Amino acid sequence: MTLGTILLIVLILMLIGGLPTWPHSKNWGYYPSAGFGTVLIVVIILMVLGRI
């Protein structure tokens, strides 16, 4: 596995974990998952461009 693939898998897991589906995170809104999603998009773009 390359570093980019591992980073992509970790970011996807963080995105899923940041979704407000559990009772303790209902008040957070979508802020954590939106931040992780933005980072995920940047990493995917960098992988497509061959920078990672």
PDB file of N, CA and C in Angstrom:
ATOM      1  N   MET A   1       0.841  -1.185   0.000  1.00  0.00           N
ATOM      2  CA  MET A   1       0.000   0.000   0.000  1.00  0.00           C
ATOM      3  C   MET A   1       0.887   1.250   0.000  1.00  0.00           C
ATOM      4  N   THR A   2       0.444   2.218  -0.727  1.00  0.00           N
ATOM      5  CA  THR A   2       1.192   3.461  -0.742  1.00  0.00           C
ATOM      6  C   THR A   2       0.697   4.370   0.372  1.00  0.00           C
ATOM      7  N   LEU A   3       1.450   5.404   0.606  1.00  0.00           N
ATOM      8  CA  LEU A   3       1.083   6.362   1.653  1.00  0.00           C
ATOM      9  C   LEU A   3      -0.241   7.039   1.331  1.00  0.00           C
ATOM     10  N   GLY A   4      -0.479   7.326   0.063  1.00  0.00           N
ATOM     11  CA  GLY A   4      -1.733   7.966  -0.337  1.00  0.00           C
ATOM     12  C   GLY A   4      -2.943   7.099  -0.066  1.00  0.00           C
ATOM     13  N   THR A   5      -2.822   5.809  -0.309  1.00  0.00           N
ATOM     14  CA  THR A   5      -3.935   4.898  -0.066  1.00  0.00           C
ATOM     15  C   THR A   5      -4.245   4.792   1.416  1.00  0.00           C
ATOM     16  N   ILE A   6      -3.221   4.693   2.216  1.00  0.00           N
ATOM     17  CA  ILE A   6      -3.422   4.626   3.674  1.00  0.00           C
ATOM     18  C   ILE A   6      -4.045   5.911   4.180  1.00  0.00           C
ATOM     19  N   LEU A   7      -3.570   7.049   3.685  1.00  0.00           N
ATOM     20  CA  LEU A   7      -4.122   8.346   4.089  1.00  0.00           C
ATOM     21  C   LEU A   7      -5.574   8.457   3.672  1.00  0.00           C
ATOM     22  N   LEU A   8      -5.905   7.985   2.499  1.00  0.00           N
ATOM     23  CA  LEU A   8      -7.282   8.032   2.019  1.00  0.00           C
ATOM     24  C   LEU A   8      -8.198   7.175   2.885  1.00  0.00           C
ATOM     25  N   ILE A   9      -7.768   5.982   3.254  1.00  0.00           N
ATOM     26  CA  ILE A   9      -8.566   5.105   4.106  1.00  0.00           C
ATOM     27  C   ILE A   9      -8.781   5.729   5.478  1.00  0.00           C
ATOM     28  N   VAL A  10      -7.740   6.304   6.055  1.00  0.00           N
ATOM     29  CA  VAL A  10      -7.864   6.941   7.373  1.00  0.00           C
ATOM     30  C   VAL A  10      -8.823   8.120   7.314  1.00  0.00           C
ATOM     31  N   LEU A  11      -8.736   8.929   6.265  1.00  0.00           N
ATOM     32  CA  LEU A  11      -9.633  10.080   6.150  1.00  0.00           C
ATOM     33  C   LEU A  11     -11.083   9.664   5.948  1.00  0.00           C
ATOM     34  N   ILE A  12     -11.320   8.601   5.207  1.00  0.00           N
ATOM     35  CA  ILE A  12     -12.695   8.114   5.030  1.00  0.00           C
ATOM     36  C   ILE A  12     -13.259   7.622   6.359  1.00  0.00           C
ATOM     37  N   LEU A  13     -12.448   6.917   7.129  1.00  0.00           N
ATOM     38  CA  LEU A  13     -12.909   6.466   8.451  1.00  0.00           C
ATOM     39  C   LEU A  13     -13.183   7.646   9.380  1.00  0.00           C
ATOM     40  N   MET A  14     -12.362   8.688   9.316  1.00  0.00           N
ATOM     41  CA  MET A  14     -12.593   9.876  10.133  1.00  0.00           C
ATOM     42  C   MET A  14     -13.863  10.593   9.695  1.00  0.00           C
ATOM     43  N   LEU A  15     -14.133  10.609   8.388  1.00  0.00           N
ATOM     44  CA  LEU A  15     -15.352  11.235   7.880  1.00  0.00           C
ATOM     45  C   LEU A  15     -16.588  10.506   8.384  1.00  0.00           C
ATOM     46  N   ILE A  16     -16.559   9.181   8.349  1.00  0.00           N
ATOM     47  CA  ILE A  16     -17.687   8.389   8.851  1.00  0.00           C
ATOM     48  C   ILE A  16     -17.842   8.580  10.355  1.00  0.00           C
ATOM     49  N   GLY A  17     -16.730   8.623  11.072  1.00  0.00           N
ATOM     50  CA  GLY A  17     -16.793   8.810  12.524  1.00  0.00           C
ATOM     51  C   GLY A  17     -17.257  10.191  12.936  1.00  0.00           C
ATOM     52  N   GLY A  18     -17.112  11.171  12.053  1.00  0.00           N
ATOM     53  CA  GLY A  18     -17.527  12.538  12.369  1.00  0.00           C
ATOM     54  C   GLY A  18     -18.979  12.837  12.096  1.00  0.00           C
ATOM     55  N   LEU A  19     -19.702  11.906  11.488  1.00  0.00           N
ATOM     56  CA  LEU A  19     -21.121  12.125  11.213  1.00  0.00           C
ATOM     57  C   LEU A  19     -21.914  12.161  12.524  1.00  0.00           C
ATOM     58  N   PRO A  20     -22.877  13.073  12.621  1.00  0.00           N
ATOM     59  CA  PRO A  20     -23.642  13.220  13.870  1.00  0.00           C
ATOM     60  C   PRO A  20     -24.747  12.184  14.015  1.00  0.00           C
ATOM     61  N   THR A  21     -24.380  10.928  14.175  1.00  0.00           N
ATOM     62  CA  THR A  21     -25.406   9.887  14.296  1.00  0.00           C
ATOM     63  C   THR A  21     -25.521   9.336  15.705  1.00  0.00           C
ATOM     64  N   TRP A  22     -24.536   9.595  16.542  1.00  0.00           N
ATOM     65  CA  TRP A  22     -24.572   9.092  17.902  1.00  0.00           C
ATOM     66  C   TRP A  22     -25.095  10.179  18.834  1.00  0.00           C
ATOM     67  N   PRO A  23     -25.727   9.802  19.943  1.00  0.00           N
ATOM     68  CA  PRO A  23     -26.352  10.795  20.831  1.00  0.00           C
ATOM     69  C   PRO A  23     -25.378  11.867  21.346  1.00  0.00           C
ATOM     70  N   HIS A  24     -24.142  11.501  21.610  1.00  0.00           N
ATOM     71  CA  HIS A  24     -23.226  12.493  22.167  1.00  0.00           C
ATOM     72  C   HIS A  24     -22.768  13.512  21.132  1.00  0.00           C
ATOM     73  N   SER A  25     -22.988  13.261  19.836  1.00  0.00           N
ATOM     74  CA  SER A  25     -22.507  14.189  18.816  1.00  0.00           C
ATOM     75  C   SER A  25     -23.636  14.884  18.065  1.00  0.00           C
ATOM     76  N   LYS A  26     -24.860  14.760  18.517  1.00  0.00           N
ATOM     77  CA  LYS A  26     -25.984  15.397  17.821  1.00  0.00           C
ATOM     78  C   LYS A  26     -25.871  16.920  17.835  1.00  0.00           C
ATOM     79  N   ASN A  27     -25.324  17.496  18.895  1.00  0.00           N
ATOM     80  CA  ASN A  27     -25.240  18.949  19.002  1.00  0.00           C
ATOM     81  C   ASN A  27     -24.096  19.530  18.177  1.00  0.00           C
ATOM     82  N   TRP A  28     -23.201  18.705  17.672  1.00  0.00           N
ATOM     83  CA  TRP A  28     -22.058  19.202  16.903  1.00  0.00           C
ATOM     84  C   TRP A  28     -22.486  19.682  15.522  1.00  0.00           C
ATOM     85  N   GLY A  29     -23.550  19.133  14.981  1.00  0.00           N
ATOM     86  CA  GLY A  29     -23.955  19.448  13.621  1.00  0.00           C
ATOM     87  C   GLY A  29     -23.056  18.716  12.633  1.00  0.00           C
ATOM     88  N   TYR A  30     -22.883  19.307  11.467  1.00  0.00           N
ATOM     89  CA  TYR A  30     -22.075  18.668  10.433  1.00  0.00           C
ATOM     90  C   TYR A  30     -20.668  19.254  10.344  1.00  0.00           C
ATOM     91  N   TYR A  31     -20.253  20.033  11.327  1.00  0.00           N
ATOM     92  CA  TYR A  31     -18.932  20.669  11.271  1.00  0.00           C
ATOM     93  C   TYR A  31     -17.777  19.673  11.207  1.00  0.00           C
ATOM     94  N   PRO A  32     -17.725  18.630  12.045  1.00  0.00           N
ATOM     95  CA  PRO A  32     -16.597  17.697  11.953  1.00  0.00           C
ATOM     96  C   PRO A  32     -16.543  16.953  10.620  1.00  0.00           C
ATOM     97  N   SER A  33     -17.683  16.483  10.140  1.00  0.00           N
ATOM     98  CA  SER A  33     -17.669  15.733   8.887  1.00  0.00           C
ATOM     99  C   SER A  33     -17.398  16.644   7.698  1.00  0.00           C
ATOM    100  N   ALA A  34     -17.810  17.893   7.769  1.00  0.00           N
ATOM    101  CA  ALA A  34     -17.516  18.828   6.677  1.00  0.00           C
ATOM    102  C   ALA A  34     -16.022  19.124   6.612  1.00  0.00           C
ATOM    103  N   GLY A  35     -15.390  19.255   7.752  1.00  0.00           N
ATOM    104  CA  GLY A  35     -13.939  19.483   7.775  1.00  0.00           C
ATOM    105  C   GLY A  35     -13.178  18.294   7.233  1.00  0.00           C
ATOM    106  N   PHE A  36     -13.554  17.090   7.664  1.00  0.00           N
ATOM    107  CA  PHE A  36     -12.906  15.876   7.167  1.00  0.00           C
ATOM    108  C   PHE A  36     -13.188  15.681   5.682  1.00  0.00           C
ATOM    109  N   GLY A  37     -14.388  16.027   5.252  1.00  0.00           N
ATOM    110  CA  GLY A  37     -14.733  15.899   3.834  1.00  0.00           C
ATOM    111  C   GLY A  37     -13.903  16.821   2.968  1.00  0.00           C
ATOM    112  N   THR A  38     -13.663  18.037   3.456  1.00  0.00           N
ATOM    113  CA  THR A  38     -12.821  18.976   2.714  1.00  0.00           C
ATOM    114  C   THR A  38     -11.397  18.456   2.592  1.00  0.00           C
ATOM    115  N   VAL A  39     -10.859  17.939   3.674  1.00  0.00           N
ATOM    116  CA  VAL A  39      -9.519  17.362   3.639  1.00  0.00           C
ATOM    117  C   VAL A  39      -9.483  16.159   2.706  1.00  0.00           C
ATOM    118  N   LEU A  40     -10.529  15.348   2.724  1.00  0.00           N
ATOM    119  CA  LEU A  40     -10.606  14.183   1.859  1.00  0.00           C
ATOM    120  C   LEU A  40     -10.606  14.583   0.384  1.00  0.00           C
ATOM    121  N   ILE A  41     -11.334  15.612   0.038  1.00  0.00           N
ATOM    122  CA  ILE A  41     -11.368  16.095  -1.343  1.00  0.00           C
ATOM    123  C   ILE A  41      -9.992  16.594  -1.774  1.00  0.00           C
ATOM    124  N   VAL A  42      -9.313  17.318  -0.903  1.00  0.00           N
ATOM    125  CA  VAL A  42      -7.969  17.810  -1.220  1.00  0.00           C
ATOM    126  C   VAL A  42      -7.008  16.648  -1.442  1.00  0.00           C
ATOM    127  N   VAL A  43      -7.075  15.625  -0.600  1.00  0.00           N
ATOM    128  CA  VAL A  43      -6.193  14.475  -0.749  1.00  0.00           C
ATOM    129  C   VAL A  43      -6.491  13.722  -2.039  1.00  0.00           C
ATOM    130  N   ILE A  44      -7.763  13.575  -2.391  1.00  0.00           N
ATOM    131  CA  ILE A  44      -8.117  12.900  -3.639  1.00  0.00           C
ATOM    132  C   ILE A  44      -7.591  13.689  -4.834  1.00  0.00           C
ATOM    133  N   ILE A  45      -7.721  15.004  -4.808  1.00  0.00           N
ATOM    134  CA  ILE A  45      -7.198  15.829  -5.900  1.00  0.00           C
ATOM    135  C   ILE A  45      -5.692  15.691  -6.000  1.00  0.00           C
ATOM    136  N   LEU A  46      -5.005  15.695  -4.876  1.00  0.00           N
ATOM    137  CA  LEU A  46      -3.551  15.527  -4.898  1.00  0.00           C
ATOM    138  C   LEU A  46      -3.143  14.158  -5.419  1.00  0.00           C
ATOM    139  N   MET A  47      -3.924  13.131  -5.086  1.00  0.00           N
ATOM    140  CA  MET A  47      -3.620  11.788  -5.603  1.00  0.00           C
ATOM    141  C   MET A  47      -3.826  11.729  -7.111  1.00  0.00           C
ATOM    142  N   VAL A  48      -4.880  12.363  -7.607  1.00  0.00           N
ATOM    143  CA  VAL A  48      -5.139  12.357  -9.041  1.00  0.00           C
ATOM    144  C   VAL A  48      -4.039  13.115  -9.790  1.00  0.00           C
ATOM    145  N   LEU A  49      -3.550  14.197  -9.199  1.00  0.00           N
ATOM    146  CA  LEU A  49      -2.504  14.979  -9.837  1.00  0.00           C
ATOM    147  C   LEU A  49      -1.124  14.332  -9.684  1.00  0.00           C
ATOM    148  N   GLY A  50      -1.028  13.302  -8.856  1.00  0.00           N
ATOM    149  CA  GLY A  50       0.225  12.596  -8.688  1.00  0.00           C
ATOM    150  C   GLY A  50       1.177  13.242  -7.696  1.00  0.00           C
ATOM    151  N   ARG A  51       0.683  14.081  -6.822  1.00  0.00           N
ATOM    152  CA  ARG A  51       1.523  14.750  -5.834  1.00  0.00           C
ATOM    153  C   ARG A  51       1.762  13.889  -4.598  1.00  0.00           C
ATOM    154  N   ILE A  52       0.883  12.914  -4.357  1.00  0.00           N
ATOM    155  CA  ILE A  52       1.051  12.028  -3.197  1.00  0.00           C
ATOM    156  C   ILE A  52       1.354  10.643  -3.715  1.00  0.00           C
TER     157      ILE A  52
END
